[in-house]
């Protein structure tokens, strides 16, 4: 899936600072969810998500990001 340009722009500072990439996770409450993936060697805390809906990007971090991922990922 092609990543929308506004999502790439929202994650640009992270990508420029740390490297990494963006990966599509799936749909959630009408939004497309994208995960910023830090490089493998990075030690980080909570995942950072970008929700793309109706032309708007919303960044989600903390326990909220874990909750969304839990609903998208199957065991």
Protein backbone atom coordinates (compact mmCIF):
# COMPACT_ATOMS: atom_id res chain seq x y z
CA UNK A 1 0.00 0.00 0.00
CA UNK A 2 1.28 3.44 -0.89
CA UNK A 3 1.76 5.74 2.10
CA UNK A 4 -0.11 9.06 1.76
CA UNK A 5 2.21 12.05 1.46
CA UNK A 6 0.75 13.83 4.55
CA UNK A 7 1.59 10.74 6.67
CA UNK A 8 5.15 10.75 5.32
CA UNK A 9 5.41 14.46 6.07
CA UNK A 10 4.11 13.94 9.63
CA UNK A 11 6.78 11.27 10.24
CA UNK A 12 9.54 13.17 8.42
CA UNK A 13 11.19 14.57 11.55
CA UNK A 14 11.46 11.08 13.05
CA UNK A 15 12.84 9.62 9.83
CA UNK A 16 15.40 12.41 9.47
CA UNK A 17 16.47 12.13 13.12
CA UNK A 18 16.55 8.35 13.57
CA UNK A 19 16.11 6.71 10.18
CA UNK A 20 13.52 3.98 10.08
CA UNK A 21 10.43 3.67 7.96
CA UNK A 22 6.64 3.72 7.94
CA UNK A 23 4.50 0.60 7.66
CA UNK A 24 0.76 0.22 7.09
CA UNK A 25 -0.95 -1.75 9.89
CA UNK A 26 -4.59 -1.74 8.82
CA UNK A 27 -7.90 0.02 9.32
CA UNK A 28 -9.07 1.27 12.71
CA UNK A 29 -12.35 3.12 13.31
CA UNK A 30 -12.46 4.41 9.73
CA UNK A 31 -8.81 5.49 9.66
CA UNK A 32 -5.78 3.89 8.04
CA UNK A 33 -3.11 3.20 10.66
CA UNK A 34 0.59 3.58 9.93
CA UNK A 35 3.40 2.59 12.30
CA UNK A 36 6.69 4.43 12.43
CA UNK A 37 9.36 1.73 12.71
CA UNK A 38 12.56 2.77 14.42
CA UNK A 39 15.74 1.13 13.12
CA UNK A 40 16.39 -2.31 14.65
CA UNK A 41 19.20 -1.08 16.90
CA UNK A 42 17.11 1.68 18.50
CA UNK A 43 15.93 1.28 22.08
CA UNK A 44 12.63 3.12 22.40
CA UNK A 45 9.48 3.26 24.46
CA UNK A 46 5.96 3.31 23.08
CA UNK A 47 5.27 2.85 19.37
CA UNK A 48 4.28 5.89 17.34
CA UNK A 49 1.25 5.62 15.08
CA UNK A 50 -0.18 7.92 12.44
CA UNK A 51 -3.90 7.71 11.73
CA UNK A 52 -4.96 8.93 8.29
CA UNK A 53 -8.66 9.78 7.93
CA UNK A 54 -10.57 12.27 5.78
CA UNK A 55 -7.38 14.06 4.70
CA UNK A 56 -6.12 14.51 8.26
CA UNK A 57 -3.18 12.88 10.05
CA UNK A 58 -3.34 12.30 13.80
CA UNK A 59 -0.29 11.11 15.75
CA UNK A 60 -0.92 8.61 18.54
CA UNK A 61 1.60 7.58 21.21
CA UNK A 62 1.66 6.07 24.66
CA UNK A 63 -0.82 3.51 25.92
CA UNK A 64 -3.29 4.62 23.22
CA UNK A 65 -0.93 3.36 20.52
CA UNK A 66 -0.62 0.00 22.29
CA UNK A 67 -4.39 -0.30 22.49
CA UNK A 68 -4.80 0.33 18.76
CA UNK A 69 -2.04 -2.12 17.84
CA UNK A 70 -3.58 -4.77 20.09
CA UNK A 71 -6.84 -4.50 18.14
CA UNK A 72 -5.08 -4.72 14.75
CA UNK A 73 -2.64 -7.55 15.40
CA UNK A 74 -3.87 -11.11 15.58
CA UNK A 75 -2.20 -13.72 17.78
